[in-house]
Amino acid sequence: MQAGERIISTKAERNFIIYMIVVIIVVCILVILFFMVYQKRKNQLLLRNVEQQKRFDEELIKTQQEIQEETLKQVGRELHDNIGQMLVMSTMQMNAAAKVVGDEAKNKVNNASEALKATLEEVRALSKSLNSDVIFNLGFDATVKNEVERLNKTGLIEASLSITGEKVNFENKKDEIILFRILQEFFSNTLKYAEAETLNLTLAYNEKYLKIEVNDDGNGFNIDAAEKGSGLINMEKRAELIKATYQLESQPKKGTKIILKYPYKII
């Protein structure tokens, strides 16, 4: 009987151990499942927060863009309507004065008149580049060409424009404005900081996207070490807004380049 009892006791202990192992395994599985579900929900919550923040940032950029465009539009109108008209009147007065002054002063008056005419042309070109309504009417290519001509007239830099491929009309006309503002920002940075002599711009129309490449031969800078100012940030954020890829390249003494790829359709 004692041997039988020991056998029963051993079986009971074995069954108890198996039972405990099974319980431990089940508990571990439940803990793992709980952790996986918790982690999944946590990741989903984080993802939603990221998406919400991204949407908020996009809406903020759009609002800032709209405010900026409205301000630039107003400035453009003021330049064209008020400053432009004042320059026209001044030019007319100079022309009238040239008819009555003596020969000695006539050359000076004519030179002043020519300077006023050149200033008037610059103001009109600038008003076109600021007013988004004008950009809509002219189209992207014509607006960029106007800006390149304006840069050349300043005498500060020699700018060139090359357009290849068959032109594609944008589905969203507002994207033209944003792309143009990115280029304007680059031009402005080049004139302010680069001390460049030449600036080259290429618009390449491909089947699915427009590739824009612009580079200068200025000072350049170390991208990794440089602190990003509002100009660089604005270009990058605007590119994100229209789903365009943005690539900035620069090295000290080797100039600066940006490459944009704007997809005509977002699939």
C-alpha atoms as a PDB file:
ATOM      1  CA  MET A   1       0.000   0.000   0.000  1.00  0.00           C
ATOM      2  CA  GLN A   2       2.844   2.334   0.765  1.00  0.00           C
ATOM      3  CA  ALA A   3       4.373   1.772  -2.683  1.00  0.00           C
ATOM      4  CA  GLY A   4       0.974   2.398  -4.285  1.00  0.00           C
ATOM      5  CA  GLU A   5       0.490   5.528  -2.265  1.00  0.00           C
ATOM      6  CA  ARG A   6       3.909   6.761  -3.318  1.00  0.00           C
ATOM      7  CA  ILE A   7       3.050   6.127  -6.978  1.00  0.00           C
ATOM      8  CA  ILE A   8      -0.240   8.029  -6.595  1.00  0.00           C
ATOM      9  CA  SER A   9       1.578  10.811  -4.770  1.00  0.00           C
ATOM     10  CA  THR A  10       4.219  11.016  -7.517  1.00  0.00           C
ATOM     11  CA  LYS A  11       1.538  11.150 -10.230  1.00  0.00           C
ATOM     12  CA  ALA A  12      -0.293  13.858  -8.284  1.00  0.00           C
ATOM     13  CA  GLU A  13       2.903  15.883  -7.953  1.00  0.00           C
ATOM     14  CA  ARG A  14       3.648  15.410 -11.637  1.00  0.00           C
ATOM     15  CA  ASN A  15       0.139  16.455 -12.598  1.00  0.00           C
ATOM     16  CA  PHE A  16       0.373  19.425 -10.269  1.00  0.00           C
ATOM     17  CA  ILE A  17       3.694  20.468 -11.828  1.00  0.00           C
ATOM     18  CA  ILE A  18       2.245  20.081 -15.348  1.00  0.00           C
ATOM     19  CA  TYR A  19      -0.807  22.051 -14.266  1.00  0.00           C
ATOM     20  CA  MET A  20       1.365  24.834 -12.859  1.00  0.00           C
ATOM     21  CA  ILE A  21       3.506  24.885 -16.016  1.00  0.00           C
ATOM     22  CA  VAL A  22       0.367  25.137 -18.157  1.00  0.00           C
ATOM     23  CA  VAL A  23      -0.970  27.915 -15.925  1.00  0.00           C
ATOM     24  CA  ILE A  24       2.339  29.782 -16.135  1.00  0.00           C
ATOM     25  CA  ILE A  25       2.418  29.394 -19.942  1.00  0.00           C
ATOM     26  CA  VAL A  26      -1.177  30.622 -20.242  1.00  0.00           C
ATOM     27  CA  VAL A  27      -0.415  33.562 -17.957  1.00  0.00           C
ATOM     28  CA  CYS A  28       2.702  34.389 -20.004  1.00  0.00           C
ATOM     29  CA  ILE A  29       0.712  34.179 -23.235  1.00  0.00           C
ATOM     30  CA  LEU A  30      -1.976  36.433 -21.778  1.00  0.00           C
ATOM     31  CA  VAL A  31       0.657  38.922 -20.584  1.00  0.00           C
ATOM     32  CA  ILE A  32       2.316  38.895 -24.007  1.00  0.00           C
ATOM     33  CA  LEU A  33      -1.046  39.342 -25.748  1.00  0.00           C
ATOM     34  CA  PHE A  34      -1.955  42.135 -23.375  1.00  0.00           C
ATOM     35  CA  PHE A  35       1.384  43.838 -24.004  1.00  0.00           C
ATOM     36  CA  MET A  36       1.005  43.423 -27.787  1.00  0.00           C
ATOM     37  CA  VAL A  37      -2.528  44.856 -27.736  1.00  0.00           C
ATOM     38  CA  TYR A  38      -1.410  47.684 -25.465  1.00  0.00           C
ATOM     39  CA  GLN A  39       1.593  48.436 -27.671  1.00  0.00           C
ATOM     40  CA  LYS A  40      -0.558  48.328 -30.797  1.00  0.00           C
ATOM     41  CA  ARG A  41      -3.069  50.745 -29.320  1.00  0.00           C
ATOM     42  CA  LYS A  42      -0.249  52.949 -28.097  1.00  0.00           C
ATOM     43  CA  ASN A  43       1.296  52.976 -31.576  1.00  0.00           C
ATOM     44  CA  GLN A  44      -2.076  53.739 -33.144  1.00  0.00           C
ATOM     45  CA  LEU A  45      -2.570  56.606 -30.714  1.00  0.00           C
ATOM     46  CA  LEU A  46       0.910  57.937 -31.433  1.00  0.00           C
ATOM     47  CA  LEU A  47       0.294  57.576 -35.171  1.00  0.00           C
ATOM     48  CA  ARG A  48      -3.004  59.475 -34.875  1.00  0.00           C
ATOM     49  CA  ASN A  49      -1.254  62.188 -32.893  1.00  0.00           C
ATOM     50  CA  VAL A  50       1.477  62.420 -35.515  1.00  0.00           C
ATOM     51  CA  GLU A  51      -1.101  62.589 -38.325  1.00  0.00           C
ATOM     52  CA  GLN A  52      -3.108  65.205 -36.446  1.00  0.00           C
ATOM     53  CA  GLN A  53       0.044  67.248 -35.839  1.00  0.00           C
ATOM     54  CA  LYS A  54       0.970  66.888 -39.503  1.00  0.00           C
ATOM     55  CA  ARG A  55      -2.491  68.039 -40.602  1.00  0.00           C
ATOM     56  CA  PHE A  56      -2.290  70.925 -38.145  1.00  0.00           C
ATOM     57  CA  ASP A  57       1.130  71.924 -39.491  1.00  0.00           C
ATOM     58  CA  GLU A  58      -0.148  71.724 -43.067  1.00  0.00           C
ATOM     59  CA  GLU A  59      -3.167  73.856 -42.256  1.00  0.00           C
ATOM     60  CA  LEU A  60      -0.922  76.335 -40.453  1.00  0.00           C
ATOM     61  CA  ILE A  61       1.411  76.529 -43.455  1.00  0.00           C
ATOM     62  CA  LYS A  62      -1.570  76.955 -45.796  1.00  0.00           C
ATOM     63  CA  THR A  63      -2.940  79.751 -43.627  1.00  0.00           C
ATOM     64  CA  GLN A  64       0.453  81.445 -43.497  1.00  0.00           C
ATOM     65  CA  GLN A  65       0.753  81.012 -47.251  1.00  0.00           C
ATOM     66  CA  GLU A  66      -2.667  82.573 -47.855  1.00  0.00           C
ATOM     67  CA  ILE A  67      -1.892  85.504 -45.559  1.00  0.00           C
ATOM     68  CA  GLN A  68       1.469  86.032 -47.232  1.00  0.00           C
ATOM     69  CA  GLU A  69      -0.040  85.836 -50.718  1.00  0.00           C
ATOM     70  CA  GLU A  70      -2.737  88.343 -49.804  1.00  0.00           C
ATOM     71  CA  THR A  71      -0.085  90.702 -48.400  1.00  0.00           C
ATOM     72  CA  LEU A  72       2.139  90.322 -51.463  1.00  0.00           C
ATOM     73  CA  LYS A  73      -0.864  90.824 -53.717  1.00  0.00           C
ATOM     74  CA  GLN A  74      -1.699  94.080 -51.947  1.00  0.00           C
ATOM     75  CA  VAL A  75       1.916  95.261 -52.155  1.00  0.00           C
ATOM     76  CA  GLY A  76       2.002  94.371 -55.857  1.00  0.00           C
ATOM     77  CA  ARG A  77      -1.149  96.366 -56.513  1.00  0.00           C
ATOM     78  CA  GLU A  78       0.195  99.341 -54.590  1.00  0.00           C
ATOM     79  CA  LEU A  79       3.425  99.232 -56.566  1.00  0.00           C
ATOM     80  CA  HIS A  80       1.576  99.055 -59.870  1.00  0.00           C
ATOM     81  CA  ASP A  81      -1.225 101.515 -59.155  1.00  0.00           C
ATOM     82  CA  ASN A  82       0.409 104.100 -56.906  1.00  0.00           C
ATOM     83  CA  ILE A  83       4.200 103.974 -57.240  1.00  0.00           C
ATOM     84  CA  GLY A  84       3.911 103.083 -60.919  1.00  0.00           C
ATOM     85  CA  GLN A  85       1.624 106.023 -61.634  1.00  0.00           C
ATOM     86  CA  MET A  86       3.920 108.386 -59.733  1.00  0.00           C
ATOM     87  CA  LEU A  87       6.861 107.233 -61.829  1.00  0.00           C
ATOM     88  CA  VAL A  88       4.842 107.674 -65.028  1.00  0.00           C
ATOM     89  CA  MET A  89       4.004 111.245 -64.024  1.00  0.00           C
ATOM     90  CA  SER A  90       7.641 111.927 -63.111  1.00  0.00           C
ATOM     91  CA  THR A  91       8.791 110.586 -66.483  1.00  0.00           C
ATOM     92  CA  MET A  92       6.297 112.802 -68.303  1.00  0.00           C
ATOM     93  CA  GLN A  93       7.472 115.834 -66.337  1.00  0.00           C
ATOM     94  CA  MET A  94      11.097 115.021 -67.140  1.00  0.00           C
ATOM     95  CA  ASN A  95      10.255 114.727 -70.831  1.00  0.00           C
ATOM     96  CA  ALA A  96       8.494 118.089 -70.690  1.00  0.00           C
ATOM     97  CA  ALA A  97      11.456 119.658 -68.884  1.00  0.00           C
ATOM     98  CA  ALA A  98      13.848 118.305 -71.516  1.00  0.00           C
ATOM     99  CA  LYS A  99      12.076 120.395 -74.157  1.00  0.00           C
ATOM    100  CA  VAL A 100      12.577 123.712 -72.383  1.00  0.00           C
ATOM    101  CA  VAL A 101      15.971 123.433 -70.716  1.00  0.00           C
ATOM    102  CA  GLY A 102      19.194 124.497 -72.346  1.00  0.00           C
ATOM    103  CA  ASP A 103      21.544 122.143 -74.144  1.00  0.00           C
ATOM    104  CA  GLU A 104      23.879 121.985 -71.158  1.00  0.00           C
ATOM    105  CA  ALA A 105      21.212 120.601 -68.829  1.00  0.00           C
ATOM    106  CA  LYS A 106      19.366 118.613 -71.473  1.00  0.00           C
ATOM    107  CA  ASN A 107      21.642 115.551 -71.239  1.00  0.00           C
ATOM    108  CA  LYS A 108      21.238 115.412 -67.462  1.00  0.00           C
ATOM    109  CA  VAL A 109      17.465 115.653 -67.750  1.00  0.00           C
ATOM    110  CA  ASN A 110      17.394 112.938 -70.422  1.00  0.00           C
ATOM    111  CA  ASN A 111      19.574 110.680 -68.245  1.00  0.00           C
ATOM    112  CA  ALA A 112      17.215 111.246 -65.319  1.00  0.00           C
ATOM    113  CA  SER A 113      14.260 110.454 -67.573  1.00  0.00           C
ATOM    114  CA  GLU A 114      15.858 107.201 -68.725  1.00  0.00           C
ATOM    115  CA  ALA A 115      16.577 106.250 -65.114  1.00  0.00           C
ATOM    116  CA  LEU A 116      12.920 106.845 -64.248  1.00  0.00           C
ATOM    117  CA  LYS A 117      11.814 104.685 -67.183  1.00  0.00           C
ATOM    118  CA  ALA A 118      14.115 101.869 -66.061  1.00  0.00           C
ATOM    119  CA  THR A 119      12.786 102.187 -62.517  1.00  0.00           C
ATOM    120  CA  LEU A 120       9.221 102.079 -63.825  1.00  0.00           C
ATOM    121  CA  GLU A 121       9.948  98.856 -65.741  1.00  0.00           C
ATOM    122  CA  GLU A 122      11.511  97.333 -62.612  1.00  0.00           C
ATOM    123  CA  VAL A 123       8.511  98.304 -60.470  1.00  0.00           C
ATOM    124  CA  ARG A 124       6.094  96.798 -63.013  1.00  0.00           C
ATOM    125  CA  ALA A 125       8.122  93.577 -63.207  1.00  0.00           C
ATOM    126  CA  LEU A 126       8.287  93.392 -59.420  1.00  0.00           C
ATOM    127  CA  SER A 127       4.542  94.000 -59.082  1.00  0.00           C
ATOM    128  CA  LYS A 128       3.927  91.092 -61.468  1.00  0.00           C
ATOM    129  CA  SER A 129       6.083  88.726 -59.406  1.00  0.00           C
ATOM    130  CA  LEU A 130       4.320  89.734 -56.174  1.00  0.00           C
ATOM    131  CA  ASN A 131       0.706  89.594 -57.335  1.00  0.00           C
ATOM    132  CA  SER A 132      -0.584  86.001 -57.480  1.00  0.00           C
ATOM    133  CA  ASP A 133      -3.468  87.054 -59.766  1.00  0.00           C
ATOM    134  CA  VAL A 134      -0.942  88.161 -62.361  1.00  0.00           C
ATOM    135  CA  ILE A 135       0.952  84.873 -61.953  1.00  0.00           C
ATOM    136  CA  PHE A 136      -2.279  82.941 -62.551  1.00  0.00           C
ATOM    137  CA  ASN A 137      -2.890  84.911 -65.753  1.00  0.00           C
ATOM    138  CA  LEU A 138       0.680  84.745 -67.054  1.00  0.00           C
ATOM    139  CA  GLY A 139       1.291  81.099 -66.192  1.00  0.00           C
ATOM    140  CA  PHE A 140       4.215  79.505 -64.407  1.00  0.00           C
ATOM    141  CA  ASP A 141       6.767  79.560 -67.242  1.00  0.00           C
ATOM    142  CA  ALA A 142       6.108  83.191 -68.192  1.00  0.00           C
ATOM    143  CA  THR A 143       6.278  84.292 -64.554  1.00  0.00           C
ATOM    144  CA  VAL A 144       9.602  82.524 -64.011  1.00  0.00           C
ATOM    145  CA  LYS A 145      10.941  84.060 -67.231  1.00  0.00           C
ATOM    146  CA  ASN A 146       9.832  87.501 -66.026  1.00  0.00           C
ATOM    147  CA  GLU A 147      11.660  86.975 -62.725  1.00  0.00           C
ATOM    148  CA  VAL A 148      14.869  85.843 -64.458  1.00  0.00           C
ATOM    149  CA  GLU A 149      14.758  88.935 -66.685  1.00  0.00           C
ATOM    150  CA  ARG A 150      14.227  91.093 -63.612  1.00  0.00           C
ATOM    151  CA  LEU A 151      17.299  89.553 -61.956  1.00  0.00           C
ATOM    152  CA  ASN A 152      19.395  90.287 -65.034  1.00  0.00           C
ATOM    153  CA  LYS A 153      18.228  93.907 -65.125  1.00  0.00           C
ATOM    154  CA  THR A 154      19.506  94.458 -61.587  1.00  0.00           C
ATOM    155  CA  GLY A 155      23.051  93.945 -62.837  1.00  0.00           C
ATOM    156  CA  LEU A 156      23.853  92.025 -59.647  1.00  0.00           C
ATOM    157  CA  ILE A 157      23.919  88.574 -61.224  1.00  0.00           C
ATOM    158  CA  GLU A 158      23.766  86.850 -64.609  1.00  0.00           C
ATOM    159  CA  ALA A 159      20.740  84.528 -64.633  1.00  0.00           C
ATOM    160  CA  SER A 160      19.733  81.984 -67.274  1.00  0.00           C
ATOM    161  CA  LEU A 161      16.608  79.898 -67.866  1.00  0.00           C
ATOM    162  CA  SER A 162      16.266  76.635 -69.793  1.00  0.00           C
ATOM    163  CA  ILE A 163      12.918  74.905 -70.410  1.00  0.00           C
ATOM    164  CA  THR A 164      12.769  71.376 -71.817  1.00  0.00           C
ATOM    165  CA  GLY A 165       9.964  68.934 -72.533  1.00  0.00           C
ATOM    166  CA  GLU A 166       6.339  69.530 -73.395  1.00  0.00           C
ATOM    167  CA  LYS A 167       4.646  71.946 -71.006  1.00  0.00           C
ATOM    168  CA  VAL A 168       2.029  70.432 -68.699  1.00  0.00           C
ATOM    169  CA  ASN A 169      -0.707  72.537 -67.124  1.00  0.00           C
ATOM    170  CA  PHE A 170      -1.026  72.060 -63.377  1.00  0.00           C
ATOM    171  CA  GLU A 171      -4.291  70.655 -62.043  1.00  0.00           C
ATOM    172  CA  ASN A 172      -3.973  72.875 -58.978  1.00  0.00           C
ATOM    173  CA  LYS A 173      -3.069  76.400 -60.071  1.00  0.00           C
ATOM    174  CA  LYS A 174      -2.137  77.340 -56.497  1.00  0.00           C
ATOM    175  CA  ASP A 175       0.795  74.932 -56.737  1.00  0.00           C
ATOM    176  CA  GLU A 176       2.291  77.213 -59.398  1.00  0.00           C
ATOM    177  CA  ILE A 177       2.373  80.029 -56.859  1.00  0.00           C
ATOM    178  CA  ILE A 178       4.039  77.877 -54.210  1.00  0.00           C
ATOM    179  CA  LEU A 179       6.697  76.602 -56.623  1.00  0.00           C
ATOM    180  CA  PHE A 180       7.375  80.147 -57.774  1.00  0.00           C
ATOM    181  CA  ARG A 181       7.715  81.366 -54.170  1.00  0.00           C
ATOM    182  CA  ILE A 182      10.278  78.606 -53.516  1.00  0.00           C
ATOM    183  CA  LEU A 183      12.311  79.855 -56.463  1.00  0.00           C
ATOM    184  CA  GLN A 184      11.953  83.453 -55.308  1.00  0.00           C
ATOM    185  CA  GLU A 185      13.268  82.452 -51.883  1.00  0.00           C
ATOM    186  CA  PHE A 186      16.294  80.799 -53.467  1.00  0.00           C
ATOM    187  CA  PHE A 187      16.940  83.847 -55.694  1.00  0.00           C
ATOM    188  CA  SER A 188      16.675  86.134 -52.672  1.00  0.00           C
ATOM    189  CA  ASN A 189      19.118  84.032 -50.621  1.00  0.00           C
ATOM    190  CA  THR A 190      21.553  83.959 -53.522  1.00  0.00           C
ATOM    191  CA  LEU A 191      21.527  87.749 -53.880  1.00  0.00           C
ATOM    192  CA  LYS A 192      21.789  88.331 -50.113  1.00  0.00           C
ATOM    193  CA  TYR A 193      24.416  85.831 -49.060  1.00  0.00           C
ATOM    194  CA  ALA A 194      26.032  83.893 -51.900  1.00  0.00           C
ATOM    195  CA  GLU A 195      28.025  86.643 -53.653  1.00  0.00           C
ATOM    196  CA  ALA A 196      27.377  84.649 -56.825  1.00  0.00           C
ATOM    197  CA  GLU A 197      28.096  85.791 -60.369  1.00  0.00           C
ATOM    198  CA  THR A 198      25.797  83.387 -62.205  1.00  0.00           C
ATOM    199  CA  LEU A 199      22.519  81.595 -61.505  1.00  0.00           C
ATOM    200  CA  ASN A 200      21.154  78.814 -63.723  1.00  0.00           C
ATOM    201  CA  LEU A 201      17.563  77.592 -63.697  1.00  0.00           C
ATOM    202  CA  THR A 202      16.194  74.563 -65.559  1.00  0.00           C
ATOM    203  CA  LEU A 203      12.552  73.509 -65.906  1.00  0.00           C
ATOM    204  CA  ALA A 204      12.287  69.963 -67.266  1.00  0.00           C
ATOM    205  CA  TYR A 205       8.770  68.739 -68.035  1.00  0.00           C
ATOM    206  CA  ASN A 206       8.612  64.949 -67.786  1.00  0.00           C
ATOM    207  CA  GLU A 207       5.636  62.649 -68.250  1.00  0.00           C
ATOM    208  CA  LYS A 208       4.731  62.421 -64.548  1.00  0.00           C
ATOM    209  CA  TYR A 209       6.530  65.301 -62.893  1.00  0.00           C
ATOM    210  CA  LEU A 210       8.201  68.662 -63.365  1.00  0.00           C
ATOM    211  CA  LYS A 211      11.857  68.714 -62.372  1.00  0.00           C
ATOM    212  CA  ILE A 212      13.196  72.100 -61.318  1.00  0.00           C
ATOM    213  CA  GLU A 213      16.903  72.591 -60.809  1.00  0.00           C
ATOM    214  CA  VAL A 214      18.470  75.907 -59.841  1.00  0.00           C
ATOM    215  CA  ASN A 215      22.062  76.528 -58.827  1.00  0.00           C
ATOM    216  CA  ASP A 216      24.462  79.397 -58.254  1.00  0.00           C
ATOM    217  CA  ASP A 217      28.245  79.655 -58.219  1.00  0.00           C
ATOM    218  CA  GLY A 218      28.388  81.521 -54.919  1.00  0.00           C
ATOM    219  CA  ASN A 219      30.045  80.947 -51.563  1.00  0.00           C
ATOM    220  CA  GLY A 220      28.027  77.885 -50.633  1.00  0.00           C
ATOM    221  CA  PHE A 221      27.923  76.562 -47.077  1.00  0.00           C
ATOM    222  CA  ASN A 222      28.160  73.435 -44.957  1.00  0.00           C
ATOM    223  CA  ILE A 223      24.586  72.122 -44.769  1.00  0.00           C
ATOM    224  CA  ASP A 224      25.220  69.925 -41.705  1.00  0.00           C
ATOM    225  CA  ALA A 225      26.848  72.719 -39.714  1.00  0.00           C
ATOM    226  CA  ALA A 226      24.669  75.609 -40.873  1.00  0.00           C
ATOM    227  CA  GLU A 227      21.736  76.787 -38.808  1.00  0.00           C
ATOM    228  CA  LYS A 228      18.546  76.657 -40.837  1.00  0.00           C
ATOM    229  CA  GLY A 229      17.063  80.107 -41.233  1.00  0.00           C
ATOM    230  CA  SER A 230      13.481  80.946 -42.139  1.00  0.00           C
ATOM    231  CA  GLY A 231      14.332  81.000 -45.852  1.00  0.00           C
ATOM    232  CA  LEU A 232      15.564  77.405 -45.990  1.00  0.00           C
ATOM    233  CA  ILE A 233      12.739  76.220 -43.749  1.00  0.00           C
ATOM    234  CA  ASN A 234      10.140  78.003 -45.895  1.00  0.00           C
ATOM    235  CA  MET A 235      11.399  76.352 -49.066  1.00  0.00           C
ATOM    236  CA  GLU A 236      11.299  72.879 -47.514  1.00  0.00           C
ATOM    237  CA  LYS A 237       7.865  73.335 -45.920  1.00  0.00           C
ATOM    238  CA  ARG A 238       6.361  74.725 -49.106  1.00  0.00           C
ATOM    239  CA  ALA A 239       7.678  71.736 -51.040  1.00  0.00           C
ATOM    240  CA  GLU A 240       6.056  69.395 -48.509  1.00  0.00           C
ATOM    241  CA  LEU A 241       2.792  71.271 -48.867  1.00  0.00           C
ATOM    242  CA  ILE A 242       2.502  70.384 -52.567  1.00  0.00           C
ATOM    243  CA  LYS A 243       3.974  66.859 -52.166  1.00  0.00           C
ATOM    244  CA  ALA A 244       7.127  67.788 -54.073  1.00  0.00           C
ATOM    245  CA  THR A 245      10.477  66.202 -53.299  1.00  0.00           C
ATOM    246  CA  TYR A 246      13.043  68.750 -52.165  1.00  0.00           C
ATOM    247  CA  GLN A 247      16.799  68.331 -52.256  1.00  0.00           C
ATOM    248  CA  LEU A 248      19.304  70.973 -51.150  1.00  0.00           C
ATOM    249  CA  GLU A 249      22.988  70.650 -52.039  1.00  0.00           C
ATOM    250  CA  SER A 250      25.781  73.016 -51.050  1.00  0.00           C
ATOM    251  CA  GLN A 251      29.464  73.053 -50.208  1.00  0.00           C
ATOM    252  CA  PRO A 252      31.725  75.913 -49.171  1.00  0.00           C
ATOM    253  CA  LYS A 253      33.152  77.691 -52.241  1.00  0.00           C
ATOM    254  CA  LYS A 254      31.180  75.378 -54.555  1.00  0.00           C
ATOM    255  CA  GLY A 255      27.815  77.099 -54.751  1.00  0.00           C
ATOM    256  CA  THR A 256      24.316  75.987 -53.808  1.00  0.00           C
ATOM    257  CA  LYS A 257      21.714  73.936 -55.650  1.00  0.00           C
ATOM    258  CA  ILE A 258      18.125  72.883 -55.086  1.00  0.00           C
ATOM    259  CA  ILE A 259      16.317  70.145 -56.972  1.00  0.00           C
ATOM    260  CA  LEU A 260      12.526  69.943 -56.902  1.00  0.00           C
ATOM    261  CA  LYS A 261      10.353  67.222 -58.364  1.00  0.00           C
ATOM    262  CA  TYR A 262       6.706  68.223 -58.507  1.00  0.00           C
ATOM    263  CA  PRO A 263       4.250  65.416 -59.408  1.00  0.00           C
ATOM    264  CA  TYR A 264       1.369  66.589 -61.578  1.00  0.00           C
ATOM    265  CA  LYS A 265      -0.995  64.112 -59.939  1.00  0.00           C
ATOM    266  CA  ILE A 266      -0.912  62.665 -56.417  1.00  0.00           C
ATOM    267  CA  ILE A 267      -1.979  59.005 -56.611  1.00  0.00           C
END
